[in-house]
């Protein structure tokens, strides 16, 4: 089989969340950060034939990129990547060596806040957080408006940057550490719970990201 460009793009993104991954048979990829603060899942157009464990996903992708038109065979203990006369045997890791995503899906049955976020707005807030050295982003509800802001919740006198993204009847500040925002470029439907979890959902990829315990929510 060959990995599509879309699948390779997803794998590259997932390598920023966890250096390792367990590929399970089927057409879904999952990963979870070692701190278990980010989990991601994606539907792919390829079908993985059998389980394979990769300890260093970035290294694997670099090996795969050595080939112009690679074919990959899933063996019992290793991949065989080939293209004409060239061939690489890439040995699977033991599953005990990696942190793998749970099979059970995370649900947010009654989110406190639901809002659509355009990628350009999310990108601008993340860029501002870097420029202003702010370690968090927050979904903030006040005066009937919902904002996406770059903040430092530990410093009330710190600079902030925000963009209006919707309307709300509630008052809240739902905080996510910027280091946990490792998203593919997409517009997202975002669902947030004050109980500590958020969901960023796009067409073929979904991220579950921890909401900081310093967050506040008051229903209007």
Protein backbone atom coordinates (compact mmCIF):
# COMPACT_ATOMS: atom_id res chain seq x y z
CA UNK A 1 0.00 0.00 0.00
CA UNK A 2 0.91 3.67 -0.18
CA UNK A 3 0.13 6.41 2.30
CA UNK A 4 -1.82 9.29 0.75
CA UNK A 5 -0.55 12.84 1.14
CA UNK A 6 -3.45 13.56 3.48
CA UNK A 7 -2.51 10.62 5.71
CA UNK A 8 1.13 11.74 5.77
CA UNK A 9 0.06 15.26 6.75
CA UNK A 10 -2.00 13.88 9.63
CA UNK A 11 0.88 11.67 10.78
CA UNK A 12 3.25 14.66 10.74
CA UNK A 13 0.79 16.61 12.89
CA UNK A 14 0.33 13.68 15.28
CA UNK A 15 4.11 13.43 15.70
CA UNK A 16 3.99 16.86 17.39
CA UNK A 17 1.59 15.45 20.00
CA UNK A 18 3.41 12.20 20.73
CA UNK A 19 6.66 10.96 19.18
CA UNK A 20 5.21 7.42 19.12
CA UNK A 21 2.06 5.96 17.60
CA UNK A 22 0.19 2.68 17.40
CA UNK A 23 -1.29 2.11 13.94
CA UNK A 24 -4.32 -0.14 14.25
CA UNK A 25 -6.05 -1.93 11.40
CA UNK A 26 -8.73 0.15 9.71
CA UNK A 27 -9.06 3.75 8.58
CA UNK A 28 -8.66 5.69 11.80
CA UNK A 29 -5.57 7.16 13.45
CA UNK A 30 -5.34 8.06 17.13
CA UNK A 31 -2.70 9.56 19.37
CA UNK A 32 -2.42 10.97 22.87
CA UNK A 33 0.23 13.18 24.44
CA UNK A 34 2.48 11.63 27.11
CA UNK A 35 0.93 14.04 29.66
CA UNK A 36 -2.55 12.91 28.49
CA UNK A 37 -3.61 16.54 28.02
CA UNK A 38 -4.21 16.18 24.25
CA UNK A 39 -5.84 13.35 22.33
CA UNK A 40 -6.40 13.38 18.58
CA UNK A 41 -8.23 11.13 16.17
CA UNK A 42 -8.59 11.29 12.40
CA UNK A 43 -10.35 9.43 9.61
CA UNK A 44 -8.06 8.61 6.70
CA UNK A 45 -8.66 7.48 3.13
CA UNK A 46 -6.16 4.63 3.46
CA UNK A 47 -6.84 1.27 5.08
CA UNK A 48 -4.18 0.00 7.47
CA UNK A 49 -4.05 -3.81 7.19
CA UNK A 50 -2.66 -4.72 10.62
CA UNK A 51 -1.31 -3.24 13.83
CA UNK A 52 2.13 -1.62 13.78
CA UNK A 53 3.90 0.24 16.58
CA UNK A 54 6.23 3.12 15.71
CA UNK A 55 8.46 4.46 18.48
CA UNK A 56 9.80 7.52 16.63
CA UNK A 57 7.19 8.70 14.15
CA UNK A 58 9.25 11.64 12.83
CA UNK A 59 12.14 9.25 12.07
CA UNK A 60 9.79 6.85 10.31
CA UNK A 61 8.35 9.66 8.17
CA UNK A 62 11.88 10.81 7.29
CA UNK A 63 12.73 7.29 6.12
CA UNK A 64 9.50 7.14 4.11
CA UNK A 65 10.37 10.48 2.46
CA UNK A 66 13.61 9.00 1.09
CA UNK A 67 11.53 7.28 -1.56
CA UNK A 68 9.86 8.94 -4.55
CA UNK A 69 7.04 6.43 -4.95
CA UNK A 70 7.19 4.18 -1.88
CA UNK A 71 5.25 1.00 -1.33
CA UNK A 72 4.86 -0.09 2.27
CA UNK A 73 4.14 -3.65 3.37
CA UNK A 74 2.99 -4.39 6.91
CA UNK A 75 4.76 -7.52 8.08
CA UNK A 76 4.45 -9.41 11.33
CA UNK A 77 7.43 -7.68 12.97
CA UNK A 78 8.41 -4.88 10.61
CA UNK A 79 7.51 -2.65 7.67
CA UNK A 80 9.16 -3.14 4.31
CA UNK A 81 9.37 0.16 2.43
CA UNK A 82 10.43 -0.23 -1.19
CA UNK A 83 10.68 1.63 -4.47
CA UNK A 84 12.22 -0.26 -7.35
CA UNK A 85 15.65 -1.58 -6.33
CA UNK A 86 15.70 0.20 -2.97
CA UNK A 87 14.28 -1.33 0.20
CA UNK A 88 14.15 -0.53 3.92
CA UNK A 89 13.20 -2.93 6.70
CA UNK A 90 11.80 -0.85 9.56
CA UNK A 91 11.27 -2.83 12.77
CA UNK A 92 8.19 -2.30 14.94
CA UNK A 93 8.58 -1.20 18.54
CA UNK A 94 7.14 -3.18 21.42
CA UNK A 95 3.76 -1.76 22.43
CA UNK A 96 4.94 -1.57 26.06
CA UNK A 97 7.45 1.12 25.00
CA UNK A 98 4.83 3.65 23.87
CA UNK A 99 1.88 5.57 25.28
CA UNK A 100 -1.08 4.77 23.07
CA UNK A 101 -4.50 6.40 22.82
CA UNK A 102 -7.36 4.60 24.56
CA UNK A 103 -9.89 2.73 22.45
CA UNK A 104 -12.80 4.32 24.30
CA UNK A 105 -13.94 7.60 22.76
CA UNK A 106 -14.15 10.75 24.90
CA UNK A 107 -17.57 12.38 25.09
CA UNK A 108 -18.62 15.87 26.15
CA UNK A 109 -22.35 15.23 26.66
CA UNK A 110 -23.33 18.71 27.85
CA UNK A 111 -20.74 21.31 26.81
CA UNK A 112 -21.00 24.68 28.53
CA UNK A 113 -19.85 26.59 25.43
CA UNK A 114 -20.09 25.78 21.71
CA UNK A 115 -18.62 28.13 19.12
CA UNK A 116 -17.26 28.04 15.58
CA UNK A 117 -13.66 29.24 15.28
CA UNK A 118 -12.11 30.17 11.95
CA UNK A 119 -8.50 29.10 11.45
CA UNK A 120 -7.41 32.66 10.63
CA UNK A 121 -8.69 33.84 14.05
CA UNK A 122 -7.08 30.96 15.93
CA UNK A 123 -3.84 31.52 14.04
CA UNK A 124 -3.81 35.24 14.88
CA UNK A 125 -4.33 34.53 18.60
CA UNK A 126 -1.59 31.90 18.65
CA UNK A 127 0.77 34.27 16.84
CA UNK A 128 -0.04 37.02 19.36
CA UNK A 129 0.59 34.64 22.26
CA UNK A 130 4.08 34.06 20.88
CA UNK A 131 4.82 37.72 20.26
CA UNK A 132 3.51 38.79 23.68
CA UNK A 133 4.90 35.66 25.41
CA UNK A 134 1.51 34.66 26.80
CA UNK A 135 1.29 30.99 27.82
CA UNK A 136 -2.45 30.43 27.43
CA UNK A 137 -5.43 31.01 25.21
CA UNK A 138 -8.89 31.51 26.68
CA UNK A 139 -12.43 31.41 25.43
CA UNK A 140 -13.93 34.39 27.25
CA UNK A 141 -17.59 35.31 27.58
CA UNK A 142 -18.50 38.79 28.78
CA UNK A 143 -21.07 41.50 27.97
CA UNK A 144 -22.89 39.21 25.56
CA UNK A 145 -19.83 38.51 23.39
CA UNK A 146 -17.50 35.51 23.09
CA UNK A 147 -13.80 36.19 22.55
CA UNK A 148 -10.77 34.08 21.83
CA UNK A 149 -7.86 35.63 23.71
CA UNK A 150 -4.17 35.16 24.40
CA UNK A 151 -3.62 35.58 28.15
CA UNK A 152 -1.44 34.88 31.17
CA UNK A 153 -3.88 33.84 33.89
CA UNK A 154 -1.16 33.94 36.55
CA UNK A 155 -0.49 37.66 35.90
CA UNK A 156 -3.57 39.93 36.01
CA UNK A 157 -1.49 42.91 34.79
CA UNK A 158 -0.14 41.09 31.69
CA UNK A 159 -0.92 42.23 28.16
CA UNK A 160 -3.75 40.43 26.34
CA UNK A 161 -4.87 39.97 22.76
CA UNK A 162 -8.38 38.97 21.71
CA UNK A 163 -10.71 38.55 18.76
CA UNK A 164 -14.50 38.44 18.89
CA UNK A 165 -15.80 35.07 17.63
CA UNK A 166 -19.46 34.93 18.66
CA UNK A 167 -22.21 35.79 21.11
CA UNK A 168 -23.13 34.34 24.50
CA UNK A 169 -25.44 34.88 27.47
CA UNK A 170 -22.89 33.44 29.89
CA UNK A 171 -19.80 34.73 31.70
CA UNK A 172 -16.75 32.50 31.48
CA UNK A 173 -13.03 32.19 31.00
CA UNK A 174 -12.13 28.69 29.79
CA UNK A 175 -8.35 28.43 29.62
CA UNK A 176 -6.13 26.14 27.53
CA UNK A 177 -2.33 26.04 27.67
CA UNK A 178 -0.91 27.24 24.36
CA UNK A 179 1.59 24.36 24.34
CA UNK A 180 -1.37 21.98 23.96
CA UNK A 181 -2.70 23.67 20.80
CA UNK A 182 -1.21 21.47 18.08
CA UNK A 183 -3.93 21.61 15.46
CA UNK A 184 -3.97 21.12 11.72
CA UNK A 185 -5.07 24.20 9.73
CA UNK A 186 -8.87 23.99 9.74
CA UNK A 187 -11.94 25.85 10.88
CA UNK A 188 -13.22 24.15 14.04
CA UNK A 189 -16.43 23.58 15.92
CA UNK A 190 -15.25 23.98 19.51
CA UNK A 191 -17.12 22.50 22.48
CA UNK A 192 -15.87 23.38 25.96
CA UNK A 193 -16.75 22.04 29.38
CA UNK A 194 -15.86 23.77 32.64
CA UNK A 195 -15.28 20.24 33.99
CA UNK A 196 -11.89 20.22 32.27
CA UNK A 197 -12.17 19.16 28.64
CA UNK A 198 -12.58 20.74 25.19
CA UNK A 199 -13.26 19.32 21.75
CA UNK A 200 -11.99 20.84 18.49
CA UNK A 201 -13.81 19.17 15.61
CA UNK A 202 -13.11 19.56 11.88
CA UNK A 203 -14.17 17.51 8.86
CA UNK A 204 -11.84 14.55 9.32
CA UNK A 205 -9.86 15.28 12.51
CA UNK A 206 -10.86 15.85 16.14
CA UNK A 207 -8.78 16.97 19.10
CA UNK A 208 -9.65 16.67 22.78
CA UNK A 209 -7.65 19.18 24.84
CA UNK A 210 -7.54 19.72 28.60
CA UNK A 211 -9.15 22.87 30.03
CA UNK A 212 -7.17 24.39 32.90
CA UNK A 213 -8.51 24.09 36.45
CA UNK A 214 -8.24 27.91 36.83
CA UNK A 215 -11.11 28.26 34.35
CA UNK A 216 -14.41 29.83 35.45
CA UNK A 217 -17.95 29.53 34.15
CA UNK A 218 -21.19 31.22 35.22
CA UNK A 219 -24.41 30.59 33.35
CA UNK A 220 -26.25 33.77 32.36
